C-alpha cells in the first residue's frame, strides 16, 4: 500500500505529510532504542515509537522508514518538527499505545491485501 493510501486510511494525526507518497508501507516496526532501531528497521516500515526528537528523524532517514508514528500522545519538539518539514519526513501521531498503533498499521496494510 502506498504511503498516500496509508495516510488516507489511518486514524492517525498527520504532523507532517512529507514526500515520496508513492513509497510502499510494508510493515509496522516498534522500537524506542535508537541504536537497535537503526540496525533493524526494514525499509518501508511504519515505525511506531515514543521518541519525538531530531535523532529519531535521522534514524528514519537512514533506514528508509516509510513514516514515523508517534504513539502515546507524544509530539515532536520544535527542532524535530522543523527538521521533519525541511527534510520532508512523514510524521504521524496518535494517543494509542505503541502496541495498539502497530496493530492498527498491521490491520490497515493487511486489509488492503485481502481486498
PDB file of N, CA and C in Angstrom:
ATOM      1  N   UNK A   1       0.845  -1.162   0.000  1.00  0.00           N
ATOM      2  CA  UNK A   1       0.000   0.000   0.000  1.00  0.00           C
ATOM      3  C   UNK A   1       0.895   1.231   0.000  1.00  0.00           C
ATOM      4  N   UNK A   2       0.535   2.241  -0.780  1.00  0.00           N
ATOM      5  CA  UNK A   2       1.353   3.450  -0.823  1.00  0.00           C
ATOM      6  C   UNK A   2       1.186   4.260   0.458  1.00  0.00           C
ATOM      7  N   UNK A   3       2.162   5.087   0.729  1.00  0.00           N
ATOM      8  CA  UNK A   3       2.096   5.955   1.895  1.00  0.00           C
ATOM      9  C   UNK A   3       0.881   6.875   1.820  1.00  0.00           C
ATOM     10  N   UNK A   4       0.578   7.365   0.632  1.00  0.00           N
ATOM     11  CA  UNK A   4      -0.577   8.234   0.451  1.00  0.00           C
ATOM     12  C   UNK A   4      -1.874   7.504   0.832  1.00  0.00           C
ATOM     13  N   UNK A   5      -2.021   6.264   0.379  1.00  0.00           N
ATOM     14  CA  UNK A   5      -3.200   5.465   0.712  1.00  0.00           C
ATOM     15  C   UNK A   5      -3.236   5.143   2.200  1.00  0.00           C
ATOM     16  N   UNK A   6      -2.083   4.833   2.764  1.00  0.00           N
ATOM     17  CA  UNK A   6      -2.000   4.542   4.189  1.00  0.00           C
ATOM     18  C   UNK A   6      -2.460   5.745   5.011  1.00  0.00           C
ATOM     19  N   UNK A   7      -1.976   6.921   4.666  1.00  0.00           N
ATOM     20  CA  UNK A   7      -2.359   8.149   5.381  1.00  0.00           C
ATOM     21  C   UNK A   7      -3.868   8.361   5.271  1.00  0.00           C
ATOM     22  N   UNK A   8      -4.417   8.106   4.105  1.00  0.00           N
ATOM     23  CA  UNK A   8      -5.852   8.292   3.895  1.00  0.00           C
ATOM     24  C   UNK A   8      -6.679   7.331   4.750  1.00  0.00           C
ATOM     25  N   UNK A   9      -6.194   6.105   4.920  1.00  0.00           N
ATOM     26  CA  UNK A   9      -6.959   5.072   5.635  1.00  0.00           C
ATOM     27  C   UNK A   9      -6.772   5.076   7.148  1.00  0.00           C
ATOM     28  N   UNK A  10      -5.649   5.597   7.619  1.00  0.00           N
ATOM     29  CA  UNK A  10      -5.367   5.508   9.053  1.00  0.00           C
ATOM     30  C   UNK A  10      -6.120   6.590   9.837  1.00  0.00           C
ATOM     31  N   UNK A  11      -6.198   6.379  11.127  1.00  0.00           N
ATOM     32  CA  UNK A  11      -6.840   7.352  12.013  1.00  0.00           C
ATOM     33  C   UNK A  11      -5.815   8.172  12.775  1.00  0.00           C
ATOM     34  N   UNK A  12      -4.593   8.220  12.279  1.00  0.00           N
ATOM     35  CA  UNK A  12      -3.537   8.960  12.950  1.00  0.00           C
ATOM     36  C   UNK A  12      -3.564  10.426  12.505  1.00  0.00           C
ATOM     37  N   UNK A  13      -3.080  11.298  13.369  1.00  0.00           N
ATOM     38  CA  UNK A  13      -2.970  12.719  13.041  1.00  0.00           C
ATOM     39  C   UNK A  13      -1.726  12.925  12.188  1.00  0.00           C
ATOM     40  N   UNK A  14      -1.860  13.663  11.105  1.00  0.00           N
ATOM     41  CA  UNK A  14      -0.716  13.957  10.248  1.00  0.00           C
ATOM     42  C   UNK A  14      -0.003  15.190  10.801  1.00  0.00           C
ATOM     43  N   UNK A  15       1.217  14.989  11.269  1.00  0.00           N
ATOM     44  CA  UNK A  15       2.046  16.089  11.770  1.00  0.00           C
ATOM     45  C   UNK A  15       2.788  16.728  10.604  1.00  0.00           C
ATOM     46  N   UNK A  16       3.324  15.886   9.739  1.00  0.00           N
ATOM     47  CA  UNK A  16       3.999  16.334   8.521  1.00  0.00           C
ATOM     48  C   UNK A  16       3.805  15.266   7.455  1.00  0.00           C
ATOM     49  N   UNK A  17       3.198  15.651   6.345  1.00  0.00           N
ATOM     50  CA  UNK A  17       2.900  14.664   5.299  1.00  0.00           C
ATOM     51  C   UNK A  17       4.156  14.128   4.629  1.00  0.00           C
ATOM     52  N   UNK A  18       5.159  14.944   4.525  1.00  0.00           N
ATOM     53  CA  UNK A  18       6.394  14.501   3.887  1.00  0.00           C
ATOM     54  C   UNK A  18       6.248  14.382   2.384  1.00  0.00           C
ATOM     55  N   UNK A  19       7.171  13.663   1.773  1.00  0.00           N
ATOM     56  CA  UNK A  19       7.115  13.470   0.322  1.00  0.00           C
ATOM     57  C   UNK A  19       7.200  11.988   0.003  1.00  0.00           C
ATOM     58  N   UNK A  20       7.457  11.682  -1.236  1.00  0.00           N
ATOM     59  CA  UNK A  20       7.519  10.286  -1.685  1.00  0.00           C
ATOM     60  C   UNK A  20       6.274   9.515  -1.263  1.00  0.00           C
ATOM     61  N   UNK A  21       5.115  10.094  -1.566  1.00  0.00           N
ATOM     62  CA  UNK A  21       3.853   9.485  -1.141  1.00  0.00           C
ATOM     63  C   UNK A  21       3.545   8.187  -1.867  1.00  0.00           C
ATOM     64  N   UNK A  22       4.324   7.858  -2.887  1.00  0.00           N
ATOM     65  CA  UNK A  22       4.160   6.576  -3.571  1.00  0.00           C
ATOM     66  C   UNK A  22       5.024   5.472  -2.966  1.00  0.00           C
ATOM     67  N   UNK A  23       5.786   5.805  -1.918  1.00  0.00           N
ATOM     68  CA  UNK A  23       6.570   4.805  -1.205  1.00  0.00           C
ATOM     69  C   UNK A  23       5.632   3.760  -0.619  1.00  0.00           C
ATOM     70  N   UNK A  24       6.040   2.507  -0.669  1.00  0.00           N
ATOM     71  CA  UNK A  24       5.211   1.436  -0.128  1.00  0.00           C
ATOM     72  C   UNK A  24       5.386   1.325   1.385  1.00  0.00           C
ATOM     73  N   UNK A  25       4.277   1.250   2.102  1.00  0.00           N
ATOM     74  CA  UNK A  25       4.287   0.952   3.536  1.00  0.00           C
ATOM     75  C   UNK A  25       4.089  -0.547   3.648  1.00  0.00           C
ATOM     76  N   UNK A  26       5.111  -1.232   4.187  1.00  0.00           N
ATOM     77  CA  UNK A  26       5.123  -2.693   4.146  1.00  0.00           C
ATOM     78  C   UNK A  26       4.782  -3.367   5.464  1.00  0.00           C
ATOM     79  N   UNK A  27       5.183  -2.773   6.578  1.00  0.00           N
ATOM     80  CA  UNK A  27       5.040  -3.447   7.862  1.00  0.00           C
ATOM     81  C   UNK A  27       5.178  -2.455   9.006  1.00  0.00           C
ATOM     82  N   UNK A  28       4.572  -2.743  10.153  1.00  0.00           N
ATOM     83  CA  UNK A  28       4.855  -1.915  11.324  1.00  0.00           C
ATOM     84  C   UNK A  28       6.182  -2.349  11.948  1.00  0.00           C
ATOM     85  N   UNK A  29       6.821  -1.429  12.642  1.00  0.00           N
ATOM     86  CA  UNK A  29       8.034  -1.744  13.391  1.00  0.00           C
ATOM     87  C   UNK A  29       7.983  -0.937  14.680  1.00  0.00           C
ATOM     88  N   UNK A  30       8.238  -1.576  15.804  1.00  0.00           N
ATOM     89  CA  UNK A  30       8.202  -0.910  17.110  1.00  0.00           C
ATOM     90  C   UNK A  30       9.564  -0.991  17.774  1.00  0.00           C
ATOM     91  N   UNK A  31      10.074   0.164  18.193  1.00  0.00           N
ATOM     92  CA  UNK A  31      11.326   0.195  18.937  1.00  0.00           C
ATOM     93  C   UNK A  31      11.567   1.622  19.409  1.00  0.00           C
ATOM     94  N   UNK A  32      12.037   1.754  20.656  1.00  0.00           N
ATOM     95  CA  UNK A  32      12.361   3.075  21.195  1.00  0.00           C
ATOM     96  C   UNK A  32      13.852   3.261  21.455  1.00  0.00           C
ATOM     97  N   UNK A  33      14.621   2.229  21.290  1.00  0.00           N
ATOM     98  CA  UNK A  33      16.065   2.343  21.457  1.00  0.00           C
ATOM     99  C   UNK A  33      16.669   2.600  20.082  1.00  0.00           C
ATOM    100  N   UNK A  34      17.145   3.816  19.872  1.00  0.00           N
ATOM    101  CA  UNK A  34      17.547   4.247  18.534  1.00  0.00           C
ATOM    102  C   UNK A  34      18.661   3.401  17.941  1.00  0.00           C
ATOM    103  N   UNK A  35      19.602   2.939  18.748  1.00  0.00           N
ATOM    104  CA  UNK A  35      20.695   2.128  18.201  1.00  0.00           C
ATOM    105  C   UNK A  35      20.171   0.798  17.658  1.00  0.00           C
ATOM    106  N   UNK A  36      19.192   0.220  18.311  1.00  0.00           N
ATOM    107  CA  UNK A  36      18.603  -1.023  17.807  1.00  0.00           C
ATOM    108  C   UNK A  36      17.739  -0.721  16.582  1.00  0.00           C
ATOM    109  N   UNK A  37      16.946   0.328  16.668  1.00  0.00           N
ATOM    110  CA  UNK A  37      16.098   0.700  15.533  1.00  0.00           C
ATOM    111  C   UNK A  37      16.941   0.928  14.283  1.00  0.00           C
ATOM    112  N   UNK A  38      18.077   1.590  14.457  1.00  0.00           N
ATOM    113  CA  UNK A  38      18.934   1.898  13.309  1.00  0.00           C
ATOM    114  C   UNK A  38      19.430   0.632  12.612  1.00  0.00           C
ATOM    115  N   UNK A  39      19.613  -0.423  13.352  1.00  0.00           N
ATOM    116  CA  UNK A  39      20.130  -1.655  12.737  1.00  0.00           C
ATOM    117  C   UNK A  39      19.031  -2.632  12.323  1.00  0.00           C
ATOM    118  N   UNK A  40      17.789  -2.375  12.704  1.00  0.00           N
ATOM    119  CA  UNK A  40      16.749  -3.381  12.474  1.00  0.00           C
ATOM    120  C   UNK A  40      15.537  -2.916  11.666  1.00  0.00           C
ATOM    121  N   UNK A  41      15.299  -1.619  11.529  1.00  0.00           N
ATOM    122  CA  UNK A  41      14.092  -1.171  10.828  1.00  0.00           C
ATOM    123  C   UNK A  41      14.171  -1.559   9.352  1.00  0.00           C
ATOM    124  N   UNK A  42      13.215  -2.343   8.878  1.00  0.00           N
ATOM    125  CA  UNK A  42      13.191  -2.649   7.445  1.00  0.00           C
ATOM    126  C   UNK A  42      12.744  -1.422   6.638  1.00  0.00           C
ATOM    127  N   UNK A  43      13.307  -1.247   5.476  1.00  0.00           N
ATOM    128  CA  UNK A  43      12.867  -0.162   4.591  1.00  0.00           C
ATOM    129  C   UNK A  43      11.367  -0.318   4.343  1.00  0.00           C
ATOM    130  N   UNK A  44      10.671   0.796   4.312  1.00  0.00           N
ATOM    131  CA  UNK A  44       9.234   0.764   4.064  1.00  0.00           C
ATOM    132  C   UNK A  44       8.395   0.538   5.307  1.00  0.00           C
ATOM    133  N   UNK A  45       9.015   0.560   6.460  1.00  0.00           N
ATOM    134  CA  UNK A  45       8.278   0.335   7.700  1.00  0.00           C
ATOM    135  C   UNK A  45       7.556   1.585   8.166  1.00  0.00           C
ATOM    136  N   UNK A  46       6.439   1.354   8.855  1.00  0.00           N
ATOM    137  CA  UNK A  46       5.780   2.406   9.626  1.00  0.00           C
ATOM    138  C   UNK A  46       6.336   2.234  11.038  1.00  0.00           C
ATOM    139  N   UNK A  47       7.259   3.103  11.413  1.00  0.00           N
ATOM    140  CA  UNK A  47       7.975   2.972  12.675  1.00  0.00           C
ATOM    141  C   UNK A  47       7.165   3.619  13.787  1.00  0.00           C
ATOM    142  N   UNK A  48       6.736   2.826  14.750  1.00  0.00           N
ATOM    143  CA  UNK A  48       5.956   3.314  15.880  1.00  0.00           C
ATOM    144  C   UNK A  48       6.895   3.479  17.074  1.00  0.00           C
ATOM    145  N   UNK A  49       6.929   4.682  17.648  1.00  0.00           N
ATOM    146  CA  UNK A  49       7.858   4.992  18.732  1.00  0.00           C
ATOM    147  C   UNK A  49       7.297   6.097  19.611  1.00  0.00           C
ATOM    148  N   UNK A  50       7.946   6.301  20.756  1.00  0.00           N
ATOM    149  CA  UNK A  50       7.627   7.451  21.605  1.00  0.00           C
ATOM    150  C   UNK A  50       8.779   8.453  21.618  1.00  0.00           C
ATOM    151  N   UNK A  51       9.737   8.248  20.749  1.00  0.00           N
ATOM    152  CA  UNK A  51      10.901   9.138  20.679  1.00  0.00           C
ATOM    153  C   UNK A  51      10.624  10.266  19.682  1.00  0.00           C
ATOM    154  N   UNK A  52      10.292  11.435  20.193  1.00  0.00           N
ATOM    155  CA  UNK A  52       9.931  12.551  19.329  1.00  0.00           C
ATOM    156  C   UNK A  52      11.023  13.597  19.234  1.00  0.00           C
ATOM    157  N   UNK A  53      12.216  13.171  18.861  1.00  0.00           N
ATOM    158  CA  UNK A  53      13.311  14.144  18.771  1.00  0.00           C
ATOM    159  C   UNK A  53      14.036  14.045  17.425  1.00  0.00           C
ATOM    160  N   UNK A  54      14.987  14.905  17.243  1.00  0.00           N
ATOM    161  CA  UNK A  54      15.681  15.020  15.960  1.00  0.00           C
ATOM    162  C   UNK A  54      16.465  13.749  15.616  1.00  0.00           C
ATOM    163  N   UNK A  55      16.943  13.016  16.627  1.00  0.00           N
ATOM    164  CA  UNK A  55      17.683  11.783  16.362  1.00  0.00           C
ATOM    165  C   UNK A  55      16.781  10.711  15.748  1.00  0.00           C
ATOM    166  N   UNK A  56      15.520  10.705  16.126  1.00  0.00           N
ATOM    167  CA  UNK A  56      14.561   9.780  15.537  1.00  0.00           C
ATOM    168  C   UNK A  56      14.446  10.019  14.039  1.00  0.00           C
ATOM    169  N   UNK A  57      14.441  11.278  13.641  1.00  0.00           N
ATOM    170  CA  UNK A  57      14.338  11.611  12.221  1.00  0.00           C
ATOM    171  C   UNK A  57      15.558  11.134  11.453  1.00  0.00           C
ATOM    172  N   UNK A  58      16.726  11.252  12.068  1.00  0.00           N
ATOM    173  CA  UNK A  58      17.954  10.774  11.416  1.00  0.00           C
ATOM    174  C   UNK A  58      17.882   9.267  11.197  1.00  0.00           C
ATOM    175  N   UNK A  59      17.426   8.535  12.199  1.00  0.00           N
ATOM    176  CA  UNK A  59      17.313   7.085  12.076  1.00  0.00           C
ATOM    177  C   UNK A  59      16.276   6.726  11.015  1.00  0.00           C
ATOM    178  N   UNK A  60      15.155   7.430  11.005  1.00  0.00           N
ATOM    179  CA  UNK A  60      14.114   7.157   9.998  1.00  0.00           C
ATOM    180  C   UNK A  60      14.660   7.356   8.591  1.00  0.00           C
ATOM    181  N   UNK A  61      15.450   8.385   8.401  1.00  0.00           N
ATOM    182  CA  UNK A  61      16.034   8.659   7.086  1.00  0.00           C
ATOM    183  C   UNK A  61      17.059   7.595   6.708  1.00  0.00           C
ATOM    184  N   UNK A  62      17.933   7.263   7.633  1.00  0.00           N
ATOM    185  CA  UNK A  62      18.977   6.261   7.361  1.00  0.00           C
ATOM    186  C   UNK A  62      18.397   4.897   7.018  1.00  0.00           C
ATOM    187  N   UNK A  63      17.309   4.535   7.660  1.00  0.00           N
ATOM    188  CA  UNK A  63      16.730   3.203   7.476  1.00  0.00           C
ATOM    189  C   UNK A  63      15.679   3.154   6.377  1.00  0.00           C
ATOM    190  N   UNK A  64      15.355   4.299   5.820  1.00  0.00           N
ATOM    191  CA  UNK A  64      14.326   4.408   4.780  1.00  0.00           C
ATOM    192  C   UNK A  64      12.964   3.948   5.273  1.00  0.00           C
ATOM    193  N   UNK A  65      12.658   4.272   6.554  1.00  0.00           N
ATOM    194  CA  UNK A  65      11.324   4.013   7.079  1.00  0.00           C
ATOM    195  C   UNK A  65      10.329   4.829   6.255  1.00  0.00           C
ATOM    196  N   UNK A  66       9.170   4.269   5.991  1.00  0.00           N
ATOM    197  CA  UNK A  66       8.157   4.987   5.212  1.00  0.00           C
ATOM    198  C   UNK A  66       7.619   6.176   5.995  1.00  0.00           C
ATOM    199  N   UNK A  67       7.457   5.992   7.308  1.00  0.00           N
ATOM    200  CA  UNK A  67       6.953   7.071   8.156  1.00  0.00           C
ATOM    201  C   UNK A  67       7.284   6.764   9.603  1.00  0.00           C
ATOM    202  N   UNK A  68       7.151   7.792  10.425  1.00  0.00           N
ATOM    203  CA  UNK A  68       7.290   7.653  11.868  1.00  0.00           C
ATOM    204  C   UNK A  68       5.917   7.924  12.467  1.00  0.00           C
ATOM    205  N   UNK A  69       5.480   7.037  13.349  1.00  0.00           N
ATOM    206  CA  UNK A  69       4.219   7.233  14.056  1.00  0.00           C
ATOM    207  C   UNK A  69       4.559   7.417  15.533  1.00  0.00           C
ATOM    208  N   UNK A  70       4.267   8.591  16.049  1.00  0.00           N
ATOM    209  CA  UNK A  70       4.499   8.878  17.453  1.00  0.00           C
ATOM    210  C   UNK A  70       3.284   8.414  18.246  1.00  0.00           C
ATOM    211  N   UNK A  71       3.499   7.489  19.165  1.00  0.00           N
ATOM    212  CA  UNK A  71       2.415   6.909  19.953  1.00  0.00           C
ATOM    213  C   UNK A  71       2.344   7.560  21.330  1.00  0.00           C
ATOM    214  N   UNK A  72       1.309   7.178  22.086  1.00  0.00           N
ATOM    215  CA  UNK A  72       1.159   7.597  23.481  1.00  0.00           C
ATOM    216  C   UNK A  72       0.985   9.102  23.658  1.00  0.00           C
ATOM    217  N   UNK A  73       0.539   9.814  22.616  1.00  0.00           N
ATOM    218  CA  UNK A  73       0.335  11.257  22.710  1.00  0.00           C
ATOM    219  C   UNK A  73       1.602  12.089  22.620  1.00  0.00           C
ATOM    220  N   UNK A  74       2.689  11.460  22.231  1.00  0.00           N
ATOM    221  CA  UNK A  74       3.973  12.158  22.102  1.00  0.00           C
ATOM    222  C   UNK A  74       3.945  13.071  20.878  1.00  0.00           C
ATOM    223  N   UNK A  75       4.591  14.212  20.981  1.00  0.00           N
ATOM    224  CA  UNK A  75       4.716  15.128  19.846  1.00  0.00           C
ATOM    225  C   UNK A  75       6.188  15.397  19.579  1.00  0.00           C
ATOM    226  N   UNK A  76       6.472  15.974  18.446  1.00  0.00           N
ATOM    227  CA  UNK A  76       7.845  16.359  18.130  1.00  0.00           C
ATOM    228  C   UNK A  76       8.205  17.632  18.873  1.00  0.00           C
ATOM    229  N   UNK A  77       9.452  17.723  19.304  1.00  0.00           N
ATOM    230  CA  UNK A  77       9.903  19.001  19.838  1.00  0.00           C
ATOM    231  C   UNK A  77      10.093  19.964  18.671  1.00  0.00           C
ATOM    232  N   UNK A  78      10.273  21.238  18.955  1.00  0.00           N
ATOM    233  CA  UNK A  78      10.321  22.273  17.913  1.00  0.00           C
ATOM    234  C   UNK A  78      11.425  22.023  16.886  1.00  0.00           C
ATOM    235  N   UNK A  79      12.601  21.634  17.351  1.00  0.00           N
ATOM    236  CA  UNK A  79      13.724  21.383  16.434  1.00  0.00           C
ATOM    237  C   UNK A  79      13.407  20.214  15.511  1.00  0.00           C
ATOM    238  N   UNK A  80      12.808  19.174  16.063  1.00  0.00           N
ATOM    239  CA  UNK A  80      12.477  17.994  15.258  1.00  0.00           C
ATOM    240  C   UNK A  80      11.381  18.304  14.245  1.00  0.00           C
ATOM    241  N   UNK A  81      10.391  19.081  14.635  1.00  0.00           N
ATOM    242  CA  UNK A  81       9.327  19.452  13.698  1.00  0.00           C
ATOM    243  C   UNK A  81       9.886  20.258  12.538  1.00  0.00           C
ATOM    244  N   UNK A  82      10.755  21.190  12.838  1.00  0.00           N
ATOM    245  CA  UNK A  82      11.392  21.992  11.788  1.00  0.00           C
ATOM    246  C   UNK A  82      12.204  21.103  10.847  1.00  0.00           C
ATOM    247  N   UNK A  83      12.937  20.161  11.406  1.00  0.00           N
ATOM    248  CA  UNK A  83      13.750  19.243  10.607  1.00  0.00           C
ATOM    249  C   UNK A  83      12.862  18.323   9.765  1.00  0.00           C
ATOM    250  N   UNK A  84      11.784  17.825  10.335  1.00  0.00           N
ATOM    251  CA  UNK A  84      10.865  16.959   9.587  1.00  0.00           C
ATOM    252  C   UNK A  84      10.306  17.694   8.383  1.00  0.00           C
ATOM    253  N   UNK A  85       9.973  18.964   8.573  1.00  0.00           N
ATOM    254  CA  UNK A  85       9.441  19.758   7.462  1.00  0.00           C
ATOM    255  C   UNK A  85      10.515  20.007   6.409  1.00  0.00           C
ATOM    256  N   UNK A  86      11.716  20.366   6.840  1.00  0.00           N
ATOM    257  CA  UNK A  86      12.774  20.670   5.863  1.00  0.00           C
ATOM    258  C   UNK A  86      13.248  19.427   5.119  1.00  0.00           C
ATOM    259  N   UNK A  87      13.175  18.261   5.776  1.00  0.00           N
ATOM    260  CA  UNK A  87      13.604  17.005   5.154  1.00  0.00           C
ATOM    261  C   UNK A  87      12.448  16.232   4.539  1.00  0.00           C
ATOM    262  N   UNK A  88      11.222  16.747   4.659  1.00  0.00           N
ATOM    263  CA  UNK A  88      10.010  16.135   4.093  1.00  0.00           C
ATOM    264  C   UNK A  88       9.802  14.701   4.588  1.00  0.00           C
ATOM    265  N   UNK A  89       9.963  14.507   5.908  1.00  0.00           N
ATOM    266  CA  UNK A  89       9.781  13.201   6.528  1.00  0.00           C
ATOM    267  C   UNK A  89       8.333  13.085   6.998  1.00  0.00           C
ATOM    268  N   UNK A  90       7.703  11.980   6.705  1.00  0.00           N
ATOM    269  CA  UNK A  90       6.310  11.764   7.090  1.00  0.00           C
ATOM    270  C   UNK A  90       6.232  11.403   8.568  1.00  0.00           C
ATOM    271  N   UNK A  91       5.492  12.236   9.315  1.00  0.00           N
ATOM    272  CA  UNK A  91       5.315  12.031  10.751  1.00  0.00           C
ATOM    273  C   UNK A  91       3.823  12.006  11.053  1.00  0.00           C
ATOM    274  N   UNK A  92       3.395  10.949  11.724  1.00  0.00           N
ATOM    275  CA  UNK A  92       2.008  10.813  12.157  1.00  0.00           C
ATOM    276  C   UNK A  92       2.012  10.688  13.680  1.00  0.00           C
ATOM    277  N   UNK A  93       0.853  10.912  14.307  1.00  0.00           N
ATOM    278  CA  UNK A  93       0.779  10.822  15.763  1.00  0.00           C
ATOM    279  C   UNK A  93      -0.552  10.225  16.183  1.00  0.00           C
ATOM    280  N   UNK A  94      -0.535   9.621  17.376  1.00  0.00           N
ATOM    281  CA  UNK A  94      -1.740   9.009  17.937  1.00  0.00           C
ATOM    282  C   UNK A  94      -1.618   8.965  19.453  1.00  0.00           C
ATOM    283  N   UNK A  95      -2.762   8.898  20.109  1.00  0.00           N
ATOM    284  CA  UNK A  95      -2.789   8.689  21.557  1.00  0.00           C
ATOM    285  C   UNK A  95      -2.754   7.205  21.908  1.00  0.00           C
ATOM    286  N   UNK A  96      -2.860   6.345  20.916  1.00  0.00           N
ATOM    287  CA  UNK A  96      -2.828   4.904  21.152  1.00  0.00           C
ATOM    288  C   UNK A  96      -1.484   4.478  21.734  1.00  0.00           C
ATOM    289  N   UNK A  97      -1.482   3.341  22.415  1.00  0.00           N
ATOM    290  CA  UNK A  97      -0.218   2.762  22.877  1.00  0.00           C
ATOM    291  C   UNK A  97       0.588   2.316  21.659  1.00  0.00           C
ATOM    292  N   UNK A  98       1.840   2.025  21.890  1.00  0.00           N
ATOM    293  CA  UNK A  98       2.692   1.549  20.797  1.00  0.00           C
ATOM    294  C   UNK A  98       2.105   0.275  20.193  1.00  0.00           C
ATOM    295  N   UNK A  99       1.706  -0.661  21.037  1.00  0.00           N
ATOM    296  CA  UNK A  99       1.132  -1.908  20.541  1.00  0.00           C
ATOM    297  C   UNK A  99      -0.126  -1.654  19.715  1.00  0.00           C
ATOM    298  N   UNK A 100      -1.045  -0.845  20.257  1.00  0.00           N
ATOM    299  CA  UNK A 100      -2.298  -0.584  19.552  1.00  0.00           C
ATOM    300  C   UNK A 100      -2.060   0.122  18.220  1.00  0.00           C
ATOM    301  N   UNK A 101      -1.118   1.045  18.196  1.00  0.00           N
ATOM    302  CA  UNK A 101      -0.802   1.752  16.946  1.00  0.00           C
ATOM    303  C   UNK A 101      -0.210   0.792  15.923  1.00  0.00           C
ATOM    304  N   UNK A 102       0.706  -0.060  16.365  1.00  0.00           N
ATOM    305  CA  UNK A 102       1.309  -1.028  15.449  1.00  0.00           C
ATOM    306  C   UNK A 102       0.266  -2.011  14.937  1.00  0.00           C
ATOM    307  N   UNK A 103      -0.646  -2.408  15.798  1.00  0.00           N
ATOM    308  CA  UNK A 103      -1.713  -3.316  15.382  1.00  0.00           C
ATOM    309  C   UNK A 103      -2.612  -2.644  14.343  1.00  0.00           C
ATOM    310  N   UNK A 104      -2.900  -1.356  14.536  1.00  0.00           N
ATOM    311  CA  UNK A 104      -3.696  -0.641  13.541  1.00  0.00           C
ATOM    312  C   UNK A 104      -2.967  -0.582  12.204  1.00  0.00           C
ATOM    313  N   UNK A 105      -1.670  -0.326  12.231  1.00  0.00           N
ATOM    314  CA  UNK A 105      -0.878  -0.334  10.996  1.00  0.00           C
ATOM    315  C   UNK A 105      -1.004  -1.697  10.320  1.00  0.00           C
ATOM    316  N   UNK A 106      -0.821  -2.752  11.086  1.00  0.00           N
ATOM    317  CA  UNK A 106      -0.915  -4.115  10.559  1.00  0.00           C
ATOM    318  C   UNK A 106      -2.280  -4.353   9.907  1.00  0.00           C
ATOM    319  N   UNK A 107      -3.337  -3.959  10.599  1.00  0.00           N
ATOM    320  CA  UNK A 107      -4.685  -4.158  10.064  1.00  0.00           C
ATOM    321  C   UNK A 107      -4.905  -3.385   8.774  1.00  0.00           C
ATOM    322  N   UNK A 108      -4.436  -2.162   8.714  1.00  0.00           N
ATOM    323  CA  UNK A 108      -4.603  -1.334   7.512  1.00  0.00           C
ATOM    324  C   UNK A 108      -3.871  -1.982   6.335  1.00  0.00           C
ATOM    325  N   UNK A 109      -2.637  -2.375   6.555  1.00  0.00           N
ATOM    326  CA  UNK A 109      -1.834  -2.970   5.483  1.00  0.00           C
ATOM    327  C   UNK A 109      -2.464  -4.275   4.999  1.00  0.00           C
ATOM    328  N   UNK A 110      -2.871  -5.121   5.927  1.00  0.00           N
ATOM    329  CA  UNK A 110      -3.394  -6.432   5.559  1.00  0.00           C
ATOM    330  C   UNK A 110      -4.826  -6.370   5.043  1.00  0.00           C
ATOM    331  N   UNK A 111      -5.568  -5.364   5.403  1.00  0.00           N
ATOM    332  CA  UNK A 111      -6.913  -5.192   4.842  1.00  0.00           C
ATOM    333  C   UNK A 111      -6.811  -4.908   3.349  1.00  0.00           C
ATOM    334  N   UNK A 112      -5.770  -4.158   2.953  1.00  0.00           N
ATOM    335  CA  UNK A 112      -5.608  -3.853   1.518  1.00  0.00           C
ATOM    336  C   UNK A 112      -5.194  -5.092   0.745  1.00  0.00           C
ATOM    337  N   UNK A 113      -4.465  -6.009   1.383  1.00  0.00           N
ATOM    338  CA  UNK A 113      -4.050  -7.244   0.731  1.00  0.00           C
ATOM    339  C   UNK A 113      -5.245  -8.169   0.533  1.00  0.00           C
ATOM    340  N   UNK A 114      -6.165  -8.161   1.497  1.00  0.00           N
ATOM    341  CA  UNK A 114      -7.309  -9.042   1.451  1.00  0.00           C
ATOM    342  C   UNK A 114      -8.382  -8.585   0.453  1.00  0.00           C
ATOM    343  N   UNK A 115      -8.320  -7.325   0.046  1.00  0.00           N
ATOM    344  CA  UNK A 115      -9.365  -6.802  -0.851  1.00  0.00           C
ATOM    345  C   UNK A 115      -9.300  -7.386  -2.229  1.00  0.00           C
TER     346      UNK A 115
END
